[in-house]
C-alpha atoms as a PDB file:
ATOM      1  CA  MET A   1       7.829 -23.377 -20.633  1.00  0.00           C
ATOM      2  CA  ALA A   2       5.359 -22.550 -17.854  1.00  0.00           C
ATOM      3  CA  ARG A   3       3.415 -25.695 -18.662  1.00  0.00           C
ATOM      4  CA  HIS A   4       6.623 -27.723 -18.542  1.00  0.00           C
ATOM      5  CA  ILE A   5       7.517 -26.323 -15.108  1.00  0.00           C
ATOM      6  CA  SER A   6       4.005 -27.097 -13.847  1.00  0.00           C
ATOM      7  CA  ILE A   7       4.284 -30.714 -14.981  1.00  0.00           C
ATOM      8  CA  MET A   8       7.706 -31.083 -13.413  1.00  0.00           C
ATOM      9  CA  ALA A   9       6.443 -29.602 -10.168  1.00  0.00           C
ATOM     10  CA  THR A  10       3.583 -32.092  -9.901  1.00  0.00           C
ATOM     11  CA  PRO A  11       4.629 -34.598  -7.212  1.00  0.00           C
ATOM     12  CA  MET A  12       4.880 -38.217  -8.300  1.00  0.00           C
ATOM     13  CA  MET A  13       2.229 -40.509  -6.879  1.00  0.00           C
ATOM     14  CA  GLU A  14       3.632 -42.696  -4.129  1.00  0.00           C
ATOM     15  CA  GLU A  15       3.104 -46.448  -4.461  1.00  0.00           C
ATOM     16  CA  LEU A  16       0.616 -47.655  -1.876  1.00  0.00           C
ATOM     17  CA  PRO A  17       1.874 -50.422   0.457  1.00  0.00           C
ATOM     18  CA  LYS A  18       0.571 -53.908  -0.292  1.00  0.00           C
ATOM     19  CA  THR A  19      -2.139 -55.205   1.987  1.00  0.00           C
ATOM     20  CA  SER A  20      -3.699 -58.595   2.646  1.00  0.00           C
ATOM     21  CA  VAL A  21      -7.078 -59.746   3.900  1.00  0.00           C
ATOM     22  CA  LEU A  22      -5.154 -61.540   6.667  1.00  0.00           C
ATOM     23  CA  ASP A  23      -3.584 -58.338   8.008  1.00  0.00           C
ATOM     24  CA  PRO A  24      -5.900 -58.382  11.090  1.00  0.00           C
ATOM     25  CA  LEU A  25      -4.329 -61.756  11.983  1.00  0.00           C
ATOM     26  CA  LYS A  26      -0.792 -60.687  11.137  1.00  0.00           C
ATOM     27  CA  GLY A  27       0.289 -60.279  14.751  1.00  0.00           C
ATOM     28  CA  LEU A  28      -0.900 -63.787  15.649  1.00  0.00           C
ATOM     29  CA  LEU A  29       0.718 -65.361  12.596  1.00  0.00           C
ATOM     30  CA  LEU A  30       4.049 -63.612  13.167  1.00  0.00           C
ATOM     31  CA  THR A  31       4.093 -64.560  16.843  1.00  0.00           C
ATOM     32  CA  TYR A  32       3.395 -68.265  16.476  1.00  0.00           C
ATOM     33  CA  PHE A  33       3.796 -69.432  12.880  1.00  0.00           C
ATOM     34  CA  MET A  34       6.211 -67.457  10.714  1.00  0.00           C
ATOM     35  CA  PRO A  35       8.629 -64.496  10.408  1.00  0.00           C
ATOM     36  CA  GLU A  36       7.493 -61.345   8.599  1.00  0.00           C
ATOM     37  CA  SER A  37       9.469 -62.248   5.478  1.00  0.00           C
ATOM     38  CA  CYS A  38       7.390 -65.432   5.087  1.00  0.00           C
ATOM     39  CA  TYR A  39       4.160 -63.531   5.736  1.00  0.00           C
ATOM     40  CA  ASP A  40       5.046 -61.160   2.905  1.00  0.00           C
ATOM     41  CA  GLU A  41       6.026 -64.063   0.648  1.00  0.00           C
ATOM     42  CA  PHE A  42       2.759 -65.949   1.260  1.00  0.00           C
ATOM     43  CA  PHE A  43       0.109 -63.264   1.572  1.00  0.00           C
ATOM     44  CA  LEU A  44       1.506 -60.278  -0.320  1.00  0.00           C
ATOM     45  CA  ASN A  45       3.444 -61.964  -3.124  1.00  0.00           C
ATOM     46  CA  PHE A  46       1.188 -65.055  -3.144  1.00  0.00           C
ATOM     47  CA  ASN A  47       4.179 -67.365  -3.394  1.00  0.00           C
ATOM     48  CA  PHE A  48       2.897 -70.372  -1.456  1.00  0.00           C
ATOM     49  CA  LEU A  49       5.630 -72.677  -2.745  1.00  0.00           C
ATOM     50  CA  ASP A  50       8.566 -70.997  -1.021  1.00  0.00           C
ATOM     51  CA  VAL A  51      10.328 -74.062   0.455  1.00  0.00           C
ATOM     52  CA  PRO A  52      12.224 -72.381   3.354  1.00  0.00           C
ATOM     53  CA  CYS A  53       9.025 -70.672   4.515  1.00  0.00           C
ATOM     54  CA  LEU A  54       6.998 -73.873   4.131  1.00  0.00           C
ATOM     55  CA  LYS A  55       9.501 -75.664   6.366  1.00  0.00           C
ATOM     56  CA  ILE A  56       9.244 -72.929   8.982  1.00  0.00           C
ATOM     57  CA  VAL A  57       5.434 -72.960   8.992  1.00  0.00           C
ATOM     58  CA  LEU A  58       5.302 -76.770   9.069  1.00  0.00           C
ATOM     59  CA  SER A  59       7.763 -76.893  11.954  1.00  0.00           C
ATOM     60  CA  LYS A  60       5.930 -74.200  13.938  1.00  0.00           C
ATOM     61  CA  GLY A  61       2.555 -75.842  13.285  1.00  0.00           C
ATOM     62  CA  LEU A  62       3.811 -79.277  14.314  1.00  0.00           C
ATOM     63  CA  GLY A  63       5.420 -77.794  17.417  1.00  0.00           C
ATOM     64  CA  ILE A  64       2.204 -76.109  18.519  1.00  0.00           C
ATOM     65  CA  GLY A  65       0.228 -79.256  17.717  1.00  0.00           C
ATOM     66  CA  ILE A  66       2.606 -81.364  19.804  1.00  0.00           C
ATOM     67  CA  ILE A  67       2.348 -78.932  22.728  1.00  0.00           C
ATOM     68  CA  LEU A  68      -1.459 -78.908  22.585  1.00  0.00           C
ATOM     69  CA  GLY A  69      -1.500 -82.696  22.389  1.00  0.00           C
ATOM     70  CA  SER A  70       0.962 -82.994  25.270  1.00  0.00           C
ATOM     71  CA  MET A  71      -1.509 -81.241  27.577  1.00  0.00           C
ATOM     72  CA  MET A  72      -3.572 -84.414  27.576  1.00  0.00           C
ATOM     73  CA  VAL A  73      -1.294 -87.104  26.118  1.00  0.00           C
ATOM     74  CA  LYS A  74      -0.888 -88.896  29.453  1.00  0.00           C
ATOM     75  CA  LEU A  75      -4.360 -88.085  30.749  1.00  0.00           C
ATOM     76  CA  PRO A  76      -5.754 -91.418  29.439  1.00  0.00           C
ATOM     77  CA  GLN A  77      -2.974 -93.195  31.370  1.00  0.00           C
ATOM     78  CA  ILE A  78      -3.757 -91.272  34.551  1.00  0.00           C
ATOM     79  CA  LEU A  79      -7.483 -91.938  34.228  1.00  0.00           C
ATOM     80  CA  LYS A  80      -6.843 -95.628  33.551  1.00  0.00           C
ATOM     81  CA  LEU A  81      -4.762 -95.930  36.726  1.00  0.00           C
ATOM     82  CA  MET A  82      -7.372 -94.114  38.795  1.00  0.00           C
ATOM     83  CA  GLY A  83     -10.215 -96.162  37.313  1.00  0.00           C
ATOM     84  CA  ALA A  84      -8.488 -99.484  37.987  1.00  0.00           C
ATOM     85  CA  LYS A  85      -7.060 -98.264  41.322  1.00  0.00           C
ATOM     86  CA  SER A  86      -3.993-100.211  40.295  1.00  0.00           C
ATOM     87  CA  ALA A  87      -0.645 -99.478  38.644  1.00  0.00           C
ATOM     88  CA  GLU A  88       0.025-103.086  37.655  1.00  0.00           C
ATOM     89  CA  GLY A  89       2.364-103.361  34.685  1.00  0.00           C
ATOM     90  CA  LEU A  90       3.946 -99.912  35.144  1.00  0.00           C
ATOM     91  CA  SER A  91       7.530 -99.601  36.299  1.00  0.00           C
ATOM     92  CA  PHE A  92       8.329 -96.784  38.744  1.00  0.00           C
ATOM     93  CA  ASN A  93      12.016 -96.955  37.759  1.00  0.00           C
ATOM     94  CA  SER A  94      11.010 -96.425  34.139  1.00  0.00           C
ATOM     95  CA  VAL A  95       8.975 -93.366  35.169  1.00  0.00           C
ATOM     96  CA  LEU A  96      11.958 -91.955  37.088  1.00  0.00           C
ATOM     97  CA  LEU A  97      14.248 -92.313  34.087  1.00  0.00           C
ATOM     98  CA  GLU A  98      11.628 -90.733  31.838  1.00  0.00           C
ATOM     99  CA  LEU A  99      11.411 -87.805  34.270  1.00  0.00           C
ATOM    100  CA  LEU A 100      15.184 -87.432  34.116  1.00  0.00           C
ATOM    101  CA  ALA A 101      15.044 -87.220  30.320  1.00  0.00           C
ATOM    102  CA  ILE A 102      12.089 -84.791  30.269  1.00  0.00           C
ATOM    103  CA  THR A 103      13.638 -82.546  32.920  1.00  0.00           C
ATOM    104  CA  GLY A 104      16.958 -82.527  31.080  1.00  0.00           C
ATOM    105  CA  THR A 105      15.311 -81.484  27.811  1.00  0.00           C
ATOM    106  CA  MET A 106      13.273 -78.754  29.508  1.00  0.00           C
ATOM    107  CA  SER A 107      16.195 -77.240  31.453  1.00  0.00           C
ATOM    108  CA  TYR A 108      18.547 -77.443  28.435  1.00  0.00           C
ATOM    109  CA  SER A 109      16.010 -75.704  26.195  1.00  0.00           C
ATOM    110  CA  ILE A 110      15.337 -72.943  28.721  1.00  0.00           C
ATOM    111  CA  ALA A 111      19.072 -72.393  29.286  1.00  0.00           C
ATOM    112  CA  ASN A 112      19.631 -72.051  25.515  1.00  0.00           C
ATOM    113  CA  SER A 113      16.582 -69.792  25.033  1.00  0.00           C
ATOM    114  CA  PHE A 114      15.016 -72.116  22.467  1.00  0.00           C
ATOM    115  CA  PRO A 115      11.502 -71.076  21.342  1.00  0.00           C
ATOM    116  CA  PHE A 116       8.690 -72.550  23.450  1.00  0.00           C
ATOM    117  CA  SER A 117       7.285 -74.266  20.353  1.00  0.00           C
ATOM    118  CA  ALA A 118      10.482 -76.372  20.233  1.00  0.00           C
ATOM    119  CA  TRP A 119      10.203 -77.830  23.736  1.00  0.00           C
ATOM    120  CA  GLY A 120       6.929 -76.744  25.401  1.00  0.00           C
ATOM    121  CA  GLU A 121       5.489 -80.262  25.577  1.00  0.00           C
ATOM    122  CA  ALA A 122       8.260 -81.187  28.047  1.00  0.00           C
ATOM    123  CA  LEU A 123       6.585 -78.971  30.670  1.00  0.00           C
ATOM    124  CA  PHE A 124       3.204 -80.708  30.354  1.00  0.00           C
ATOM    125  CA  LEU A 125       4.745 -84.181  30.040  1.00  0.00           C
ATOM    126  CA  MET A 126       6.728 -83.513  33.205  1.00  0.00           C
ATOM    127  CA  LEU A 127       3.628 -82.609  35.221  1.00  0.00           C
ATOM    128  CA  GLN A 128       1.698 -85.649  33.989  1.00  0.00           C
ATOM    129  CA  THR A 129       4.637 -88.039  34.445  1.00  0.00           C
ATOM    130  CA  VAL A 130       5.104 -86.834  38.028  1.00  0.00           C
ATOM    131  CA  ALA A 131       1.407 -87.529  38.635  1.00  0.00           C
ATOM    132  CA  ILE A 132       1.816 -91.074  37.244  1.00  0.00           C
ATOM    133  CA  GLY A 133       4.856 -91.637  39.468  1.00  0.00           C
ATOM    134  CA  PHE A 134       2.851 -90.570  42.511  1.00  0.00           C
ATOM    135  CA  LEU A 135      -0.079 -92.825  41.550  1.00  0.00           C
ATOM    136  CA  ILE A 136       2.232 -95.831  41.155  1.00  0.00           C
ATOM    137  CA  MET A 137       3.501 -95.286  44.689  1.00  0.00           C
ATOM    138  CA  HIS A 138       0.031 -94.494  46.043  1.00  0.00           C
ATOM    139  CA  TYR A 139      -1.581 -97.647  44.637  1.00  0.00           C
ATOM    140  CA  GLY A 140       1.452 -99.604  45.777  1.00  0.00           C
ATOM    141  CA  GLY A 141       0.658 -98.639  49.373  1.00  0.00           C
ATOM    142  CA  ASN A 142       3.389 -95.995  49.682  1.00  0.00           C
ATOM    143  CA  THR A 143       1.386 -92.751  49.708  1.00  0.00           C
ATOM    144  CA  VAL A 144       3.707 -90.992  52.181  1.00  0.00           C
ATOM    145  CA  LYS A 145       6.737 -91.829  50.045  1.00  0.00           C
ATOM    146  CA  GLY A 146       4.782 -90.589  47.036  1.00  0.00           C
ATOM    147  CA  VAL A 147       4.256 -87.181  48.651  1.00  0.00           C
ATOM    148  CA  LEU A 148       7.940 -87.074  49.574  1.00  0.00           C
ATOM    149  CA  PHE A 149       8.804 -87.924  45.965  1.00  0.00           C
ATOM    150  CA  LEU A 150       6.758 -84.924  44.744  1.00  0.00           C
ATOM    151  CA  GLY A 151       8.448 -82.548  47.180  1.00  0.00           C
ATOM    152  CA  VAL A 152      11.977 -83.705  46.383  1.00  0.00           C
ATOM    153  CA  TYR A 153      11.422 -83.673  42.624  1.00  0.00           C
ATOM    154  CA  PHE A 154       9.963 -80.154  42.407  1.00  0.00           C
ATOM    155  CA  GLY A 155      12.686 -78.895  44.760  1.00  0.00           C
ATOM    156  CA  LEU A 156      15.364 -80.299  42.444  1.00  0.00           C
ATOM    157  CA  VAL A 157      13.661 -78.776  39.386  1.00  0.00           C
ATOM    158  CA  ALA A 158      13.603 -75.339  41.044  1.00  0.00           C
ATOM    159  CA  LEU A 159      17.311 -75.684  41.831  1.00  0.00           C
ATOM    160  CA  LEU A 160      18.122 -76.844  38.308  1.00  0.00           C
ATOM    161  CA  LEU A 161      16.371 -73.860  36.716  1.00  0.00           C
ATOM    162  CA  SER A 162      17.958 -71.347  39.081  1.00  0.00           C
ATOM    163  CA  PRO A 163      21.036 -69.258  38.149  1.00  0.00           C
ATOM    164  CA  VAL A 164      23.183 -71.140  40.687  1.00  0.00           C
ATOM    165  CA  THR A 165      23.222 -74.259  38.485  1.00  0.00           C
ATOM    166  CA  PRO A 166      26.212 -74.201  36.076  1.00  0.00           C
ATOM    167  CA  MET A 167      25.549 -74.665  32.355  1.00  0.00           C
ATOM    168  CA  SER A 168      27.861 -77.687  32.409  1.00  0.00           C
ATOM    169  CA  VAL A 169      25.411 -79.487  34.710  1.00  0.00           C
ATOM    170  CA  VAL A 170      22.503 -78.694  32.372  1.00  0.00           C
ATOM    171  CA  MET A 171      24.459 -79.970  29.367  1.00  0.00           C
ATOM    172  CA  ALA A 172      25.417 -83.129  31.256  1.00  0.00           C
ATOM    173  CA  MET A 173      21.743 -83.775  32.001  1.00  0.00           C
ATOM    174  CA  GLN A 174      20.813 -83.370  28.344  1.00  0.00           C
ATOM    175  CA  ALA A 175      23.624 -85.722  27.337  1.00  0.00           C
ATOM    176  CA  SER A 176      22.346 -88.268  29.885  1.00  0.00           C
ATOM    177  CA  ASN A 177      18.925 -88.218  28.202  1.00  0.00           C
ATOM    178  CA  MET A 178      19.867 -90.862  25.670  1.00  0.00           C
ATOM    179  CA  PRO A 179      20.946 -93.583  28.109  1.00  0.00           C
ATOM    180  CA  ALA A 180      18.084 -92.600  30.434  1.00  0.00           C
ATOM    181  CA  ILE A 181      15.512 -92.981  27.654  1.00  0.00           C
ATOM    182  CA  ILE A 182      16.982 -96.281  26.459  1.00  0.00           C
ATOM    183  CA  ILE A 183      17.242 -97.830  29.933  1.00  0.00           C
ATOM    184  CA  GLY A 184      13.855 -96.476  31.022  1.00  0.00           C
ATOM    185  CA  ARG A 185      12.046 -97.822  27.983  1.00  0.00           C
ATOM    186  CA  LEU A 186      13.889-101.158  28.143  1.00  0.00           C
ATOM    187  CA  ILE A 187      12.797-101.567  31.762  1.00  0.00           C
ATOM    188  CA  GLN A 188       9.182-101.138  30.617  1.00  0.00           C
ATOM    189  CA  VAL A 189       9.745-103.520  27.677  1.00  0.00           C
ATOM    190  CA  VAL A 190      11.194-106.197  29.987  1.00  0.00           C
ATOM    191  CA  THR A 191       8.330-105.667  32.455  1.00  0.00           C
ATOM    192  CA  ASN A 192       5.785-106.156  29.669  1.00  0.00           C
ATOM    193  CA  TYR A 193       7.581-109.257  28.411  1.00  0.00           C
ATOM    194  CA  GLY A 194       7.829-110.742  31.892  1.00  0.00           C
ATOM    195  CA  ASN A 195       4.138-110.108  32.598  1.00  0.00           C
ATOM    196  CA  GLY A 196       2.999-111.360  29.221  1.00  0.00           C
ATOM    197  CA  HIS A 197       0.777-108.283  28.901  1.00  0.00           C
ATOM    198  CA  THR A 198       1.034-104.478  29.058  1.00  0.00           C
ATOM    199  CA  GLY A 199      -1.050-104.146  32.226  1.00  0.00           C
ATOM    200  CA  GLN A 200      -2.508-100.680  32.747  1.00  0.00           C
ATOM    201  CA  LEU A 201      -0.515 -99.060  29.933  1.00  0.00           C
ATOM    202  CA  SER A 202      -2.786 -96.794  27.896  1.00  0.00           C
ATOM    203  CA  ALA A 203      -2.752 -97.444  24.140  1.00  0.00           C
ATOM    204  CA  ILE A 204      -3.735 -93.827  23.400  1.00  0.00           C
ATOM    205  CA  THR A 205      -0.876 -92.461  25.485  1.00  0.00           C
ATOM    206  CA  VAL A 206       1.745 -94.821  24.024  1.00  0.00           C
ATOM    207  CA  LEU A 207       0.749 -94.152  20.405  1.00  0.00           C
ATOM    208  CA  MET A 208       0.542 -90.375  20.919  1.00  0.00           C
ATOM    209  CA  LEU A 209       4.006 -90.334  22.510  1.00  0.00           C
ATOM    210  CA  PHE A 210       5.364 -92.315  19.559  1.00  0.00           C
ATOM    211  CA  ALA A 211       3.820 -89.945  17.004  1.00  0.00           C
ATOM    212  CA  GLY A 212       4.932 -86.858  18.946  1.00  0.00           C
ATOM    213  CA  SER A 213       8.550 -87.991  19.257  1.00  0.00           C
ATOM    214  CA  LEU A 214       8.665 -88.715  15.510  1.00  0.00           C
ATOM    215  CA  ALA A 215       7.414 -85.206  14.693  1.00  0.00           C
ATOM    216  CA  ARG A 216       9.917 -83.686  17.138  1.00  0.00           C
ATOM    217  CA  ILE A 217      12.841 -85.007  15.087  1.00  0.00           C
ATOM    218  CA  PHE A 218      11.887 -82.582  12.298  1.00  0.00           C
ATOM    219  CA  THR A 219      10.978 -79.635  14.529  1.00  0.00           C
ATOM    220  CA  SER A 220      14.150 -79.889  16.625  1.00  0.00           C
ATOM    221  CA  ILE A 221      16.313 -79.808  13.479  1.00  0.00           C
ATOM    222  CA  GLN A 222      14.306 -76.951  11.946  1.00  0.00           C
ATOM    223  CA  GLU A 223      13.885 -74.722  15.013  1.00  0.00           C
ATOM    224  CA  THR A 224      17.002 -75.337  17.105  1.00  0.00           C
ATOM    225  CA  GLY A 225      19.575 -76.823  14.742  1.00  0.00           C
ATOM    226  CA  ASP A 226      20.812 -78.731  17.796  1.00  0.00           C
ATOM    227  CA  SER A 227      22.044 -82.214  16.823  1.00  0.00           C
ATOM    228  CA  LEU A 228      21.941 -83.392  20.455  1.00  0.00           C
ATOM    229  CA  MET A 229      18.236 -82.549  20.690  1.00  0.00           C
ATOM    230  CA  ALA A 230      17.505 -84.240  17.355  1.00  0.00           C
ATOM    231  CA  LEU A 231      19.413 -87.403  18.307  1.00  0.00           C
ATOM    232  CA  THR A 232      17.537 -87.551  21.603  1.00  0.00           C
ATOM    233  CA  TYR A 233      14.210 -87.618  19.750  1.00  0.00           C
ATOM    234  CA  VAL A 234      15.479 -90.230  17.268  1.00  0.00           C
ATOM    235  CA  ILE A 235      16.288 -92.553  20.164  1.00  0.00           C
ATOM    236  CA  SER A 236      13.039 -91.685  21.948  1.00  0.00           C
ATOM    237  CA  SER A 237      11.044 -92.501  18.803  1.00  0.00           C
ATOM    238  CA  SER A 238      12.768 -95.875  18.447  1.00  0.00           C
ATOM    239  CA  CYS A 239      12.090 -96.814  22.067  1.00  0.00           C
ATOM    240  CA  ASN A 240       8.489 -95.575  21.974  1.00  0.00           C
ATOM    241  CA  GLY A 241       7.982 -97.554  18.779  1.00  0.00           C
ATOM    242  CA  LEU A 242       9.176-100.717  20.526  1.00  0.00           C
ATOM    243  CA  ILE A 243       6.644-100.273  23.334  1.00  0.00           C
ATOM    244  CA  ALA A 244       3.911 -99.484  20.788  1.00  0.00           C
ATOM    245  CA  ALA A 245       4.767-102.742  18.988  1.00  0.00           C
ATOM    246  CA  GLN A 246       4.465-104.634  22.287  1.00  0.00           C
ATOM    247  CA  LEU A 247       1.122-102.991  22.927  1.00  0.00           C
ATOM    248  CA  LEU A 248      -0.185-104.306  19.620  1.00  0.00           C
ATOM    249  CA  TYR A 249       1.379-107.749  20.173  1.00  0.00           C
ATOM    250  CA  TYR A 250      -0.220-108.130  23.631  1.00  0.00           C
ATOM    251  CA  TRP A 251      -3.480-106.458  22.554  1.00  0.00           C
ATOM    252  CA  ASN A 252      -5.664-109.433  23.497  1.00  0.00           C
ATOM    253  CA  SER A 253      -3.784-110.181  26.733  1.00  0.00           C
ATOM    254  CA  SER A 254      -4.730-108.765  30.122  1.00  0.00           C
ATOM    255  CA  PRO A 255      -3.779-109.361  33.777  1.00  0.00           C
ATOM    256  CA  ALA A 256      -7.100-111.141  34.444  1.00  0.00           C
ATOM    257  CA  LEU A 257      -6.756-113.370  31.377  1.00  0.00           C
ATOM    258  CA  LYS A 258      -3.143-114.164  32.274  1.00  0.00           C
ATOM    259  CA  LYS A 259      -4.117-115.259  35.814  1.00  0.00           C
ATOM    260  CA  LYS A 260      -7.017-117.346  34.470  1.00  0.00           C
ATOM    261  CA  THR A 261      -4.679-119.111  32.048  1.00  0.00           C
ATOM    262  CA  GLU A 262      -2.257-119.885  34.838  1.00  0.00           C
END
């Protein structure tokens, strides 16, 4: 009986928590790539075929990749303009409409508290597009107007992101993205067609924008579930694809060659 009591009194061994060799990176992975449930599924249960978690990781990875790429996506275009000291072939009206669409997406995403990985490239695209707009005016002999354009634009952005702007205005801007994108891209398409070349358009920038907008269709559905955001990127991809097709069609044409032919 004494032996029986002794055995019963012996505490049961507690099961040790599962650990992973990636535990030192757990904080980073949970912050940027996956929720804790997916971390456990992948690295503790070794179930790497969990479809919902794979979608989350793919979406987060694409989002971060798009944001990193957006930091320099328009840099080739900016450098090309500065190198040629000319903005021939670029439409300022098209740039303005693109800015409207980018600003609408950024303000709408911030107002709805969407994760940065779902819209972060809009911030970097905005800064680079503003720079291109200024360069178009500068090389067109309107430097003073270009500086005024910068001041007015950033003032309007500050107002738009402030609490005084009603949500209805932000939603209206996001809804206006689709016609703004279509009209803006069509202006550039017509300009290219009329010139018979794509001027100083950068092939790297155009193709990266096309690829990025395609990837954003998936990430916007996965991370925000917002059909308006997804539709915006569907239209953007179609328009960017049209300009990319023109770029390939006019690949061997240039302003100098066009003038020589004439």
